[in-house]
N, C-alpha and C. Protein backbone atom coordinates (compact mmCIF):
# COMPACT_ATOMS: atom_id res chain seq x y z
N ARG A 1 51.18 -78.79 -23.12
CA ARG A 1 50.90 -79.16 -24.37
C ARG A 1 49.46 -80.71 -24.35
N LEU A 2 50.06 -81.33 -23.12
CA LEU A 2 49.00 -82.50 -23.30
C LEU A 2 47.49 -81.94 -21.86
N LEU A 3 48.06 -81.25 -21.34
CA LEU A 3 46.80 -80.25 -20.07
C LEU A 3 45.88 -79.24 -21.40
N ASP A 4 46.41 -78.42 -22.62
CA ASP A 4 45.42 -78.04 -22.91
C ASP A 4 45.01 -78.78 -24.63
N LEU A 5 45.33 -79.94 -24.69
CA LEU A 5 44.84 -80.41 -25.43
C LEU A 5 43.53 -81.32 -25.17
N LEU A 6 44.12 -81.78 -23.68
CA LEU A 6 42.77 -82.48 -22.99
C LEU A 6 41.68 -81.17 -22.30
N ASN A 7 41.90 -80.36 -22.88
CA ASN A 7 40.81 -79.37 -22.45
C ASN A 7 40.57 -78.55 -23.58
N ARG A 8 41.16 -78.73 -25.19
CA ARG A 8 40.18 -78.96 -26.36
C ARG A 8 39.46 -79.76 -27.27
N TYR A 9 40.23 -81.18 -26.69
CA TYR A 9 39.26 -82.28 -26.73
C TYR A 9 38.39 -82.88 -25.47
N ASN A 10 38.80 -82.60 -24.63
CA ASN A 10 38.13 -83.22 -23.57
C ASN A 10 37.67 -84.43 -23.11
N LEU A 11 38.55 -85.01 -24.29
CA LEU A 11 38.96 -86.66 -23.56
C LEU A 11 39.42 -87.46 -25.17
N MET A 12 40.46 -88.04 -24.51
CA MET A 12 42.01 -88.75 -25.81
C MET A 12 42.61 -89.93 -25.66
N SER A 13 42.96 -90.29 -26.07
CA SER A 13 43.07 -92.42 -26.25
C SER A 13 44.69 -92.19 -25.77
N THR A 14 45.15 -92.77 -25.32
CA THR A 14 46.81 -92.69 -25.35
C THR A 14 46.64 -92.65 -27.03
N LYS A 15 47.06 -93.67 -27.51
CA LYS A 15 47.46 -93.52 -28.81
C LYS A 15 47.56 -91.78 -29.24
N GLN A 16 45.88 -91.44 -29.22
CA GLN A 16 45.88 -89.38 -29.67
C GLN A 16 46.89 -88.97 -29.11
N ILE A 17 47.49 -89.34 -27.72
CA ILE A 17 48.55 -87.97 -26.88
C ILE A 17 49.71 -89.20 -27.32
N GLN A 18 49.82 -89.53 -27.53
CA GLN A 18 51.66 -90.04 -27.94
C GLN A 18 51.70 -89.57 -29.27
N ASN A 19 50.92 -89.21 -29.71
CA ASN A 19 51.38 -88.61 -31.81
C ASN A 19 50.92 -87.40 -31.90
N LEU A 20 50.49 -87.10 -30.47
CA LEU A 20 50.13 -85.52 -30.42
C LEU A 20 51.12 -84.80 -29.72
N VAL A 21 51.63 -85.50 -28.19
CA VAL A 21 52.53 -85.07 -27.65
C VAL A 21 53.77 -85.55 -27.46
N PHE A 22 54.13 -87.45 -27.70
CA PHE A 22 55.09 -88.15 -27.12
C PHE A 22 55.86 -88.74 -28.21
N GLY A 23 55.91 -87.87 -29.71
CA GLY A 23 55.98 -88.30 -30.62
C GLY A 23 57.79 -88.76 -30.55
N GLY A 24 57.96 -90.20 -30.92
CA GLY A 24 59.10 -90.24 -30.52
C GLY A 24 60.06 -90.69 -29.08
N ILE A 25 59.02 -91.11 -28.39
CA ILE A 25 59.70 -91.02 -26.84
C ILE A 25 58.91 -92.87 -26.77
N ALA A 26 59.38 -93.40 -25.78
CA ALA A 26 59.51 -94.81 -25.47
C ALA A 26 58.16 -95.03 -24.87
N ASP A 27 57.41 -95.48 -25.47
CA ASP A 27 55.89 -95.84 -24.54
C ASP A 27 56.00 -96.26 -23.48
N SER A 28 57.37 -96.12 -22.69
CA SER A 28 57.20 -96.49 -21.28
C SER A 28 57.17 -95.28 -20.40
N THR A 29 58.56 -94.59 -21.47
CA THR A 29 58.26 -93.38 -20.83
C THR A 29 56.83 -92.11 -20.87
N MET A 30 56.50 -92.19 -21.60
CA MET A 30 55.37 -91.93 -22.09
C MET A 30 54.22 -92.45 -20.36
N LEU A 31 53.81 -93.58 -20.51
CA LEU A 31 53.14 -94.11 -19.89
C LEU A 31 53.23 -94.10 -18.04
N ARG A 32 54.89 -93.87 -18.20
CA ARG A 32 55.39 -93.38 -16.51
C ARG A 32 55.06 -91.24 -16.67
N ARG A 33 55.17 -91.42 -17.75
CA ARG A 33 54.93 -89.28 -17.24
C ARG A 33 53.36 -89.19 -16.98
N LEU A 34 52.16 -89.88 -17.42
CA LEU A 34 50.69 -89.77 -17.86
C LEU A 34 50.16 -89.96 -16.46
N ARG A 35 50.78 -91.78 -16.09
CA ARG A 35 50.41 -91.37 -14.54
C ARG A 35 51.17 -90.81 -13.13
N LEU A 36 52.55 -90.13 -13.56
CA LEU A 36 52.82 -89.52 -12.44
C LEU A 36 51.12 -88.22 -12.62
N LEU A 37 51.11 -87.28 -14.39
CA LEU A 37 50.11 -86.88 -13.40
C LEU A 37 48.45 -87.28 -12.81
N GLU A 38 48.31 -88.42 -13.19
CA GLU A 38 47.69 -88.97 -12.59
C GLU A 38 47.72 -88.91 -10.99
N LYS A 39 48.72 -89.57 -10.73
CA LYS A 39 48.84 -89.66 -9.47
C LYS A 39 49.00 -88.41 -8.81
N ASN A 40 49.09 -87.43 -9.36
CA ASN A 40 49.33 -85.19 -8.97
C ASN A 40 47.67 -84.91 -8.79
N LYS A 41 47.00 -85.67 -9.69
CA LYS A 41 45.43 -85.14 -9.89
C LYS A 41 45.66 -84.15 -11.57
N TYR A 42 46.18 -83.86 -11.96
CA TYR A 42 46.42 -83.74 -12.83
C TYR A 42 45.57 -83.44 -14.22
N ILE A 43 45.47 -84.50 -14.66
CA ILE A 43 44.70 -86.00 -14.74
C ILE A 43 44.20 -87.37 -14.93
N CYS A 44 42.87 -87.68 -15.28
CA CYS A 44 42.68 -88.96 -14.96
C CYS A 44 42.20 -89.89 -15.63
N GLN A 45 41.99 -91.08 -15.61
CA GLN A 45 41.44 -91.98 -16.77
C GLN A 45 39.58 -92.24 -16.58
N SER A 46 39.62 -91.92 -18.12
CA SER A 46 38.86 -92.89 -18.57
C SER A 46 37.38 -93.90 -18.57
N ALA A 47 36.54 -94.31 -19.34
CA ALA A 47 36.80 -95.91 -19.76
C ALA A 47 38.24 -96.70 -20.26
N ILE A 48 37.28 -97.66 -20.40
CA ILE A 48 38.72 -98.07 -21.25
C ILE A 48 38.05 -98.59 -22.97
N LEU A 49 38.79 -98.48 -23.85
CA LEU A 49 37.92 -98.68 -25.12
C LEU A 49 37.63 -100.26 -25.14
N ASP A 50 37.07 -100.31 -26.31
CA ASP A 50 36.50 -102.05 -27.01
C ASP A 50 37.98 -102.55 -27.10
N ASN A 51 39.21 -101.79 -27.39
CA ASN A 51 40.56 -102.59 -27.21
C ASN A 51 41.44 -102.39 -26.56
N TYR A 52 40.78 -102.75 -25.20
CA TYR A 52 41.44 -101.77 -24.56
C TYR A 52 42.39 -101.32 -23.94
N SER A 53 42.26 -100.13 -24.35
CA SER A 53 43.48 -98.77 -24.57
C SER A 53 42.47 -97.55 -23.80
N ARG A 54 43.24 -97.40 -22.98
CA ARG A 54 43.24 -96.09 -22.02
C ARG A 54 42.77 -94.65 -22.27
N THR A 55 42.22 -94.28 -21.42
CA THR A 55 41.75 -93.29 -22.27
C THR A 55 41.99 -91.73 -21.51
N TRP A 56 41.95 -90.37 -21.61
CA TRP A 56 42.03 -89.72 -20.58
C TRP A 56 41.98 -88.23 -20.63
N GLN A 57 41.83 -87.65 -19.54
CA GLN A 57 40.66 -86.51 -19.52
C GLN A 57 41.39 -85.87 -17.80
N LEU A 58 40.98 -84.14 -18.31
CA LEU A 58 41.86 -83.54 -16.61
C LEU A 58 40.61 -84.07 -15.72
N SER A 59 41.47 -83.27 -14.91
CA SER A 59 41.66 -83.86 -13.40
C SER A 59 40.83 -82.46 -12.88
N ASP A 60 40.56 -81.95 -11.35
CA ASP A 60 40.55 -81.20 -10.44
C ASP A 60 41.82 -80.24 -10.43
N ARG A 61 42.51 -81.18 -10.53
CA ARG A 61 44.06 -80.44 -9.68
C ARG A 61 44.38 -79.15 -11.18
N SER A 62 43.86 -79.92 -12.71
CA SER A 62 44.96 -79.03 -13.37
C SER A 62 44.65 -77.35 -13.40
N LEU A 63 43.16 -77.36 -13.03
CA LEU A 63 42.30 -75.63 -13.01
C LEU A 63 43.68 -74.31 -12.06
N ASP A 64 44.10 -76.03 -11.26
CA ASP A 64 45.71 -74.87 -10.39
C ASP A 64 46.04 -74.20 -11.62
N VAL A 65 46.73 -74.97 -12.69
CA VAL A 65 47.51 -74.25 -13.61
C VAL A 65 46.89 -73.60 -15.23
N MET A 66 45.30 -73.98 -15.28
CA MET A 66 44.83 -73.14 -16.15
C MET A 66 43.29 -72.69 -15.59
N PRO A 67 42.73 -72.01 -14.89
CA PRO A 67 41.61 -71.80 -13.90
C PRO A 67 40.27 -71.98 -15.29
N ASP A 68 40.53 -71.79 -16.44
CA ASP A 68 39.55 -70.91 -17.44
C ASP A 68 39.46 -72.84 -17.88
N ALA A 69 40.41 -73.71 -17.40
CA ALA A 69 39.84 -75.20 -18.22
C ALA A 69 38.70 -75.85 -17.44
N ASN A 70 37.91 -76.35 -19.12
CA ASN A 70 36.89 -77.39 -18.74
C ASN A 70 36.72 -78.92 -18.42
N ILE A 71 36.02 -78.34 -17.61
CA ILE A 71 36.57 -80.28 -16.83
C ILE A 71 34.83 -80.99 -16.16
N PHE A 72 35.32 -81.88 -18.02
CA PHE A 72 33.82 -82.67 -17.75
C PHE A 72 34.46 -84.14 -17.34
N LYS A 73 33.88 -84.83 -16.36
CA LYS A 73 34.02 -86.18 -15.94
C LYS A 73 33.45 -87.29 -16.93
N ILE A 74 34.15 -87.62 -17.62
CA ILE A 74 32.99 -88.87 -18.59
C ILE A 74 33.96 -90.30 -18.22
N PHE A 75 32.68 -91.00 -17.55
CA PHE A 75 32.89 -92.31 -17.32
C PHE A 75 31.99 -93.71 -18.09
N ASN A 76 31.61 -93.38 -19.18
CA ASN A 76 29.92 -93.64 -19.38
C ASN A 76 30.76 -94.73 -20.66
N ARG A 77 30.94 -95.75 -20.17
CA ARG A 77 31.02 -97.28 -21.02
C ARG A 77 31.03 -97.14 -22.28
N ASN A 78 29.40 -97.17 -22.60
CA ASN A 78 28.15 -96.48 -23.29
C ASN A 78 28.73 -96.06 -24.76
N THR A 79 29.83 -95.02 -23.85
CA THR A 79 29.46 -93.71 -24.62
C THR A 79 30.98 -93.94 -25.30
N ILE A 80 31.73 -94.35 -24.54
CA ILE A 80 33.34 -94.24 -25.45
C ILE A 80 34.13 -94.13 -26.18
N ASN A 81 33.73 -95.34 -26.58
CA ASN A 81 34.49 -95.51 -28.42
C ASN A 81 33.41 -94.53 -29.57
N HIS A 82 32.24 -93.61 -28.66
CA HIS A 82 31.86 -93.16 -29.75
C HIS A 82 32.67 -91.48 -29.42
N ASP A 83 32.52 -90.78 -27.92
CA ASP A 83 33.87 -90.58 -27.69
C ASP A 83 34.76 -89.45 -28.44
N ILE A 84 35.45 -91.03 -28.25
CA ILE A 84 37.42 -90.62 -29.03
C ILE A 84 36.82 -90.91 -30.73
N LEU A 85 35.89 -91.32 -31.12
CA LEU A 85 36.42 -91.21 -32.24
C LEU A 85 35.87 -89.67 -32.53
N ILE A 86 35.02 -89.15 -32.02
CA ILE A 86 34.91 -87.64 -32.44
C ILE A 86 36.42 -87.30 -32.03
N THR A 87 36.83 -87.18 -31.89
CA THR A 87 37.97 -86.57 -31.64
C THR A 87 38.82 -87.11 -32.54
N GLU A 88 38.56 -88.04 -33.07
CA GLU A 88 39.20 -88.23 -33.71
C GLU A 88 38.98 -87.71 -35.47
N VAL A 89 37.98 -87.90 -35.43
CA VAL A 89 37.20 -86.53 -36.77
C VAL A 89 37.61 -86.23 -36.74
N ARG A 90 37.45 -84.82 -35.63
CA ARG A 90 37.61 -83.51 -35.15
C ARG A 90 39.41 -83.09 -36.04
N LEU A 91 40.71 -84.13 -35.15
CA LEU A 91 41.70 -84.09 -35.79
C LEU A 91 41.73 -83.79 -36.98
N LYS A 92 40.52 -84.65 -37.55
CA LYS A 92 41.00 -84.57 -39.62
C LYS A 92 40.60 -83.52 -39.83
N LEU A 93 39.28 -83.36 -39.18
CA LEU A 93 39.07 -82.38 -39.62
C LEU A 93 39.76 -80.92 -39.65
N GLU A 94 40.86 -81.01 -38.70
CA GLU A 94 41.91 -79.77 -38.59
C GLU A 94 42.77 -80.09 -39.23
N LYS A 95 43.04 -81.10 -39.88
CA LYS A 95 43.94 -81.28 -40.76
C LYS A 95 43.62 -80.06 -42.07
N PHE A 96 43.07 -80.07 -42.16
CA PHE A 96 42.16 -79.21 -43.57
C PHE A 96 42.13 -77.23 -42.69
N GLY A 97 42.03 -77.30 -42.15
CA GLY A 97 41.66 -76.17 -41.28
C GLY A 97 39.67 -76.11 -40.83
N LEU A 98 39.21 -77.43 -41.08
CA LEU A 98 37.92 -77.11 -40.70
C LEU A 98 37.51 -77.22 -39.88
N GLY A 99 38.06 -77.88 -38.39
CA GLY A 99 37.27 -78.10 -37.50
C GLY A 99 38.38 -77.01 -36.19
N SER A 100 38.34 -75.79 -36.50
CA SER A 100 39.21 -75.21 -35.38
C SER A 100 37.76 -74.49 -35.13
N GLU A 101 37.12 -73.85 -35.45
CA GLU A 101 36.11 -73.11 -34.68
C GLU A 101 35.15 -73.79 -34.50
N TRP A 102 35.57 -74.45 -32.89
CA TRP A 102 34.25 -75.53 -32.88
C TRP A 102 33.60 -75.85 -31.38
N ILE A 103 31.88 -76.33 -30.97
CA ILE A 103 31.49 -75.77 -30.12
C ILE A 103 31.23 -77.24 -29.77
N ASN A 104 32.58 -78.13 -28.07
CA ASN A 104 31.89 -79.52 -28.61
C ASN A 104 30.81 -79.51 -27.84
N GLY A 105 29.99 -81.44 -28.07
CA GLY A 105 29.15 -81.57 -28.00
C GLY A 105 28.94 -81.48 -25.89
N PHE A 106 30.24 -81.94 -25.51
CA PHE A 106 30.18 -81.48 -23.85
C PHE A 106 29.60 -80.06 -23.17
N ASP A 107 29.92 -79.37 -23.79
CA ASP A 107 29.48 -77.52 -23.59
C ASP A 107 27.58 -78.06 -24.15
N ILE A 108 27.84 -78.23 -25.48
CA ILE A 108 26.00 -78.02 -25.34
C ILE A 108 25.42 -78.68 -24.88
N LYS A 109 25.75 -80.10 -23.85
CA LYS A 109 24.62 -80.15 -22.94
C LYS A 109 25.00 -79.68 -22.24
N ALA A 110 26.17 -79.21 -21.78
CA ALA A 110 26.03 -78.40 -20.27
C ALA A 110 25.29 -76.96 -19.84
N ARG A 111 25.00 -77.03 -21.42
CA ARG A 111 24.95 -75.34 -21.67
C ARG A 111 22.76 -75.83 -21.51
N VAL A 112 22.49 -77.10 -22.43
CA VAL A 112 21.22 -77.43 -22.41
C VAL A 112 20.84 -77.88 -21.17
N THR A 113 21.01 -78.84 -20.39
CA THR A 113 21.26 -78.91 -18.28
C THR A 113 20.98 -77.53 -18.08
N LYS A 114 22.13 -76.77 -18.88
CA LYS A 114 21.24 -75.52 -16.88
C LYS A 114 20.63 -74.73 -17.54
N ASP A 115 19.65 -74.61 -18.84
CA ASP A 115 18.55 -74.09 -19.38
C ASP A 115 17.00 -75.38 -19.24
N GLN A 116 17.07 -76.14 -19.64
CA GLN A 116 16.42 -77.32 -18.97
C GLN A 116 14.49 -76.48 -18.90
N ASN A 117 14.61 -75.39 -17.99
CA ASN A 117 13.65 -75.14 -17.34
C ASN A 117 13.04 -74.05 -18.28
N THR A 118 14.09 -73.44 -19.42
CA THR A 118 13.48 -73.07 -20.02
C THR A 118 13.28 -73.45 -21.08
N PHE A 119 13.53 -74.49 -21.91
CA PHE A 119 12.84 -74.93 -22.85
C PHE A 119 12.33 -76.04 -22.38
N ARG A 120 11.88 -77.17 -23.75
CA ARG A 120 11.16 -78.11 -23.78
C ARG A 120 12.32 -79.52 -23.95
N LYS A 121 12.78 -80.29 -23.10
CA LYS A 121 14.03 -80.90 -23.25
C LYS A 121 13.53 -81.56 -24.93
N GLU A 122 12.72 -82.20 -25.70
CA GLU A 122 12.11 -82.73 -27.19
C GLU A 122 12.48 -82.24 -28.08
N HIS A 123 13.06 -80.45 -27.79
CA HIS A 123 13.43 -79.00 -29.22
C HIS A 123 15.20 -79.07 -28.91
N GLN A 124 14.90 -79.99 -27.47
CA GLN A 124 16.21 -79.17 -27.46
C GLN A 124 17.32 -79.78 -28.26
N LEU A 125 18.61 -79.64 -28.91
CA LEU A 125 19.55 -80.16 -30.37
C LEU A 125 20.88 -80.58 -29.44
N VAL A 126 21.22 -81.68 -29.66
CA VAL A 126 22.50 -81.56 -28.89
C VAL A 126 23.00 -82.70 -29.66
N PRO A 127 23.77 -82.12 -30.89
CA PRO A 127 24.60 -82.56 -31.65
C PRO A 127 25.97 -83.35 -31.20
N ASP A 128 26.75 -83.99 -31.89
CA ASP A 128 28.21 -84.65 -31.02
C ASP A 128 29.46 -82.96 -31.19
N GLY A 129 28.69 -82.14 -32.43
CA GLY A 129 29.38 -80.95 -32.42
C GLY A 129 29.00 -79.96 -33.44
N VAL A 130 29.35 -78.36 -33.37
CA VAL A 130 29.21 -77.58 -34.31
C VAL A 130 30.52 -76.55 -34.11
N MET A 131 30.38 -76.87 -35.94
CA MET A 131 31.18 -76.12 -36.62
C MET A 131 31.62 -75.56 -37.43
N ILE A 132 32.03 -73.90 -37.64
CA ILE A 132 31.87 -72.75 -38.43
C ILE A 132 33.02 -73.22 -39.25
N ALA A 133 32.36 -72.72 -40.40
CA ALA A 133 33.25 -72.98 -41.91
C ALA A 133 33.04 -72.37 -42.35
N ALA A 134 34.34 -71.34 -43.55
CA ALA A 134 33.57 -70.32 -44.25
C ALA A 134 33.52 -71.03 -46.06
N MET A 135 32.35 -70.32 -46.02
CA MET A 135 31.91 -71.15 -47.79
C MET A 135 31.33 -70.04 -48.12
N LYS A 136 31.88 -69.91 -49.78
CA LYS A 136 31.32 -68.91 -50.19
C LYS A 136 31.15 -67.40 -49.65
N ASN A 137 32.89 -67.06 -49.08
CA ASN A 137 32.60 -65.43 -48.30
C ASN A 137 31.62 -65.92 -47.56
N GLN A 138 30.91 -66.93 -46.54
CA GLN A 138 30.18 -66.20 -45.50
C GLN A 138 30.23 -67.41 -44.61
N HIS A 139 29.81 -67.55 -43.50
CA HIS A 139 30.38 -68.09 -42.34
C HIS A 139 29.23 -69.31 -42.15
N LYS A 140 29.34 -70.70 -41.88
CA LYS A 140 27.91 -71.43 -41.85
C LYS A 140 28.37 -72.34 -40.04
N ALA A 141 27.42 -72.38 -39.94
CA ALA A 141 27.65 -74.21 -39.44
C ALA A 141 27.08 -75.25 -39.04
N ILE A 142 27.68 -76.09 -39.04
CA ILE A 142 27.13 -76.97 -39.33
C ILE A 142 27.92 -78.66 -38.43
N ALA A 143 26.60 -78.96 -38.18
CA ALA A 143 26.05 -79.49 -36.93
C ALA A 143 26.66 -81.10 -37.44
N LEU A 144 27.47 -81.47 -37.12
CA LEU A 144 28.12 -83.09 -36.66
C LEU A 144 27.73 -83.97 -36.09
N GLU A 145 27.09 -85.16 -36.65
CA GLU A 145 26.02 -86.19 -35.85
C GLU A 145 27.19 -87.19 -36.55
N LEU A 146 27.81 -88.42 -35.33
CA LEU A 146 28.35 -89.61 -35.63
C LEU A 146 27.31 -90.69 -34.91
N GLU A 147 27.04 -90.83 -36.89
CA GLU A 147 26.14 -92.07 -35.86
C GLU A 147 26.71 -93.78 -35.51
N LEU A 148 26.84 -94.31 -34.42
CA LEU A 148 27.54 -96.13 -35.08
C LEU A 148 26.89 -96.77 -34.84
N THR A 149 25.04 -96.57 -34.32
CA THR A 149 24.21 -97.02 -34.61
C THR A 149 22.63 -96.71 -35.25
N ILE A 150 22.01 -97.47 -35.52
CA ILE A 150 20.68 -96.34 -36.10
C ILE A 150 19.37 -96.23 -35.60
N LYS A 151 19.29 -94.83 -34.81
CA LYS A 151 17.62 -93.92 -34.69
C LYS A 151 16.02 -94.83 -35.36
N SER A 152 16.04 -94.64 -34.69
CA SER A 152 14.34 -95.43 -35.22
C SER A 152 14.15 -94.29 -35.67
N LYS A 153 12.94 -94.17 -36.54
CA LYS A 153 12.21 -92.71 -38.27
C LYS A 153 11.81 -91.95 -36.84
N ASN A 154 11.22 -92.32 -36.25
CA ASN A 154 10.69 -90.93 -34.95
C ASN A 154 11.56 -90.42 -33.76
N ARG A 155 12.46 -90.84 -33.69
CA ARG A 155 12.88 -90.42 -33.80
C ARG A 155 14.29 -89.81 -34.52
N TYR A 156 14.97 -90.08 -36.02
CA TYR A 156 15.22 -89.11 -36.56
C TYR A 156 14.40 -87.90 -37.57
N LEU A 157 13.07 -88.40 -37.33
CA LEU A 157 12.02 -86.88 -37.96
C LEU A 157 11.66 -86.51 -36.63
N ASN A 158 12.34 -86.52 -35.19
CA ASN A 158 12.11 -85.35 -34.31
C ASN A 158 12.97 -84.71 -34.34
N LEU A 159 14.55 -85.38 -34.82
CA LEU A 159 15.74 -83.88 -35.39
C LEU A 159 15.30 -83.54 -35.95
N LEU A 160 14.88 -84.07 -37.32
CA LEU A 160 15.48 -83.15 -38.42
C LEU A 160 14.27 -82.20 -38.34
N GLU A 161 13.48 -81.97 -37.50
CA GLU A 161 12.41 -80.84 -37.91
C GLU A 161 13.02 -80.12 -36.61
N ASN A 162 13.78 -80.54 -35.49
CA ASN A 162 14.44 -79.48 -35.26
C ASN A 162 15.17 -78.77 -35.65
N TYR A 163 16.41 -79.50 -36.92
CA TYR A 163 17.06 -78.85 -37.59
C TYR A 163 16.43 -78.41 -38.19
N ASP A 164 15.12 -78.11 -39.02
CA ASP A 164 14.90 -77.58 -39.47
C ASP A 164 14.41 -76.24 -39.67
N SER A 165 13.99 -75.61 -38.42
CA SER A 165 13.18 -75.11 -37.67
C SER A 165 14.50 -73.70 -36.71
N ASN A 166 15.64 -74.28 -37.35
CA ASN A 166 16.33 -73.97 -36.22
C ASN A 166 17.46 -73.02 -37.05
N PRO A 167 17.43 -71.91 -37.97
CA PRO A 167 18.56 -70.70 -38.16
C PRO A 167 19.78 -70.70 -38.09
N ARG A 168 20.34 -70.51 -37.47
CA ARG A 168 21.60 -70.85 -36.29
C ARG A 168 22.10 -72.13 -36.91
N ILE A 169 21.78 -73.14 -37.55
CA ILE A 169 22.50 -74.65 -38.00
C ILE A 169 21.83 -74.97 -39.02
N HIS A 170 23.15 -74.50 -40.47
CA HIS A 170 23.05 -74.17 -41.71
C HIS A 170 22.86 -75.88 -42.97
N PHE A 171 23.80 -76.60 -41.91
CA PHE A 171 23.98 -77.74 -42.71
C PHE A 171 24.07 -78.84 -41.20
N VAL A 172 23.72 -80.49 -41.31
CA VAL A 172 24.07 -81.58 -40.28
C VAL A 172 24.18 -82.81 -40.57
N TRP A 173 25.94 -82.75 -40.58
CA TRP A 173 26.55 -83.80 -41.38
C TRP A 173 26.45 -85.25 -40.40
N TYR A 174 25.31 -86.14 -41.08
CA TYR A 174 25.59 -87.47 -40.45
C TYR A 174 26.90 -87.91 -41.54
N ILE A 175 27.80 -88.61 -40.19
CA ILE A 175 28.48 -89.99 -40.17
C ILE A 175 28.17 -91.05 -39.52
N PHE A 176 28.25 -91.35 -40.22
CA PHE A 176 27.76 -92.85 -40.66
C PHE A 176 28.77 -94.55 -40.18
N LYS A 177 28.88 -94.87 -39.44
CA LYS A 177 29.82 -96.19 -38.83
C LYS A 177 30.33 -96.98 -40.43
N SER A 178 28.56 -97.50 -40.87
CA SER A 178 28.52 -98.69 -41.54
C SER A 178 27.72 -98.15 -43.18
N ALA A 179 27.73 -99.12 -44.32
CA ALA A 179 26.87 -98.58 -45.57
C ALA A 179 25.64 -98.74 -45.35
N SER A 180 25.39 -99.70 -44.44
CA SER A 180 23.88 -100.05 -44.36
C SER A 180 22.58 -98.92 -43.59
N GLU A 181 23.87 -98.64 -42.74
CA GLU A 181 22.65 -97.95 -42.06
C GLU A 181 23.04 -96.17 -42.82
N ALA A 182 24.08 -96.05 -43.42
CA ALA A 182 23.65 -94.99 -44.00
C ALA A 182 22.50 -94.79 -45.57
N ARG A 183 22.31 -96.56 -45.54
CA ARG A 183 21.26 -96.45 -46.57
C ARG A 183 20.54 -96.75 -45.58
N ALA A 184 19.84 -96.99 -44.88
CA ALA A 184 19.08 -97.47 -44.19
C ALA A 184 18.44 -95.35 -43.39
N PHE A 185 19.34 -94.54 -43.04
CA PHE A 185 19.53 -93.12 -42.73
C PHE A 185 18.56 -93.23 -44.24
N ASP A 186 19.31 -92.59 -45.07
CA ASP A 186 18.99 -92.41 -46.64
C ASP A 186 17.61 -92.61 -47.12
N LYS A 187 17.18 -93.95 -46.25
CA LYS A 187 15.19 -94.29 -46.81
C LYS A 187 14.71 -93.85 -45.75
N ILE A 188 15.07 -93.92 -44.71
CA ILE A 188 13.91 -92.44 -43.84
C ILE A 188 14.36 -91.02 -44.30
N LEU A 189 15.37 -90.66 -44.63
CA LEU A 189 15.21 -89.53 -45.39
C LEU A 189 13.87 -89.20 -46.83
N THR A 190 13.76 -90.08 -47.80
CA THR A 190 12.95 -90.17 -48.38
C THR A 190 12.15 -90.59 -47.73
N ASP A 191 11.33 -91.00 -46.80
CA ASP A 191 10.80 -91.19 -46.65
C ASP A 191 9.04 -90.23 -45.79
N VAL A 192 10.39 -89.47 -45.42
CA VAL A 192 9.58 -88.18 -44.35
C VAL A 192 9.71 -87.14 -44.87
N ARG A 193 10.77 -86.82 -46.42
CA ARG A 193 10.93 -85.42 -47.05
C ARG A 193 11.82 -84.54 -46.03
N ARG A 194 12.94 -85.27 -46.02
CA ARG A 194 13.66 -83.97 -45.10
C ARG A 194 15.26 -84.12 -45.79
N LYS A 195 15.62 -83.89 -46.47
CA LYS A 195 16.75 -84.00 -47.21
C LYS A 195 17.35 -82.95 -47.47
N ASN A 196 16.77 -81.31 -47.22
CA ASN A 196 17.37 -79.83 -46.33
C ASN A 196 17.99 -80.21 -45.89
N LYS A 197 19.24 -79.66 -46.24
CA LYS A 197 19.97 -79.03 -45.72
C LYS A 197 21.04 -80.59 -44.90
N ILE A 198 21.05 -81.54 -45.42
CA ILE A 198 21.74 -83.00 -44.64
C ILE A 198 22.95 -83.67 -46.28
N TRP A 199 23.80 -83.79 -44.34
CA TRP A 199 25.25 -84.65 -45.65
C TRP A 199 25.44 -85.64 -45.05
N MET A 200 25.80 -86.83 -45.94
CA MET A 200 26.31 -87.82 -45.24
C MET A 200 27.46 -88.68 -45.92
N ARG A 201 28.42 -89.66 -45.11
CA ARG A 201 29.51 -90.24 -44.95
C ARG A 201 29.86 -90.77 -44.72
N LEU A 202 30.70 -92.15 -45.14
CA LEU A 202 30.97 -92.85 -44.04
C LEU A 202 32.43 -92.28 -43.34
N LEU A 203 31.68 -93.23 -41.92
CA LEU A 203 33.31 -92.75 -41.35
C LEU A 203 34.72 -93.46 -42.06
N ASP A 204 34.79 -94.33 -42.04
CA ASP A 204 35.93 -94.36 -42.82
C ASP A 204 36.24 -93.83 -44.11
N ASP A 205 35.91 -93.04 -44.95
CA ASP A 205 35.78 -92.41 -45.87
C ASP A 205 36.39 -90.89 -45.33
N VAL A 206 35.96 -90.38 -43.69
CA VAL A 206 36.62 -90.01 -43.52
C VAL A 206 37.92 -89.53 -42.22
N LEU A 207 38.49 -90.45 -41.81
CA LEU A 207 39.18 -90.97 -41.65
C LEU A 207 40.65 -91.10 -42.31
N LYS A 208 39.85 -91.86 -43.45
CA LYS A 208 40.98 -92.51 -44.19
C LYS A 208 41.23 -92.41 -45.68
N ASN A 209 40.03 -91.15 -46.08
CA ASN A 209 39.86 -90.90 -47.27
C ASN A 209 39.51 -89.63 -47.76
N ASP A 210 40.62 -88.63 -47.72
CA ASP A 210 40.50 -87.24 -47.80
C ASP A 210 39.55 -86.64 -49.28
N ASP A 211 38.69 -87.26 -49.55
CA ASP A 211 38.18 -86.00 -50.49
C ASP A 211 37.01 -86.11 -50.31
N PHE A 212 36.57 -86.90 -48.40
CA PHE A 212 35.37 -85.64 -48.68
C PHE A 212 35.42 -84.63 -47.99
N VAL A 213 36.69 -83.80 -48.33
CA VAL A 213 36.82 -81.76 -47.78
C VAL A 213 35.85 -81.66 -49.55
């Protein structure tokens, strides 16, 4: 169960693992089991979160029992909080059956890296994830972008132009950490006249309030 989840989400915090795998089991027992799996190289730790919580991912030996597993080594301290929040958003979406068909950003980035000689880098879209949702009896691809910091106007203009020209992406869902950043982004959308197929929401609304559904 644990290896399946790490293969599905790529990166999980100890708290997320506890909620999904070790419910009702003492913290000391859970940590002992995680460390034993780590010692035997089935799983490994990533960077530490801002709240000093551990994060976990698959290690090479997991391929012995899961030959088709995707092994992504994620040790970037600057993005670890962002990556764990993506997992949290996915877990919330799946609660409502919205994120079951999901392509994660790590897979997309791997494909882009593989094809980097075919496409110009500035035209390659690497969202944090893409999910497929049924809307009015049609399947729509929704790119998800979790924005913990605001980007430059030119950067957004480039991204939005690429999304507009990509027929495989039907909507782009921007999730912002703060209302001020969401307002700044909305002003950019108005300035560049790029509001087509854009959705916006605050992170707290998604994680703590079901109205976003």
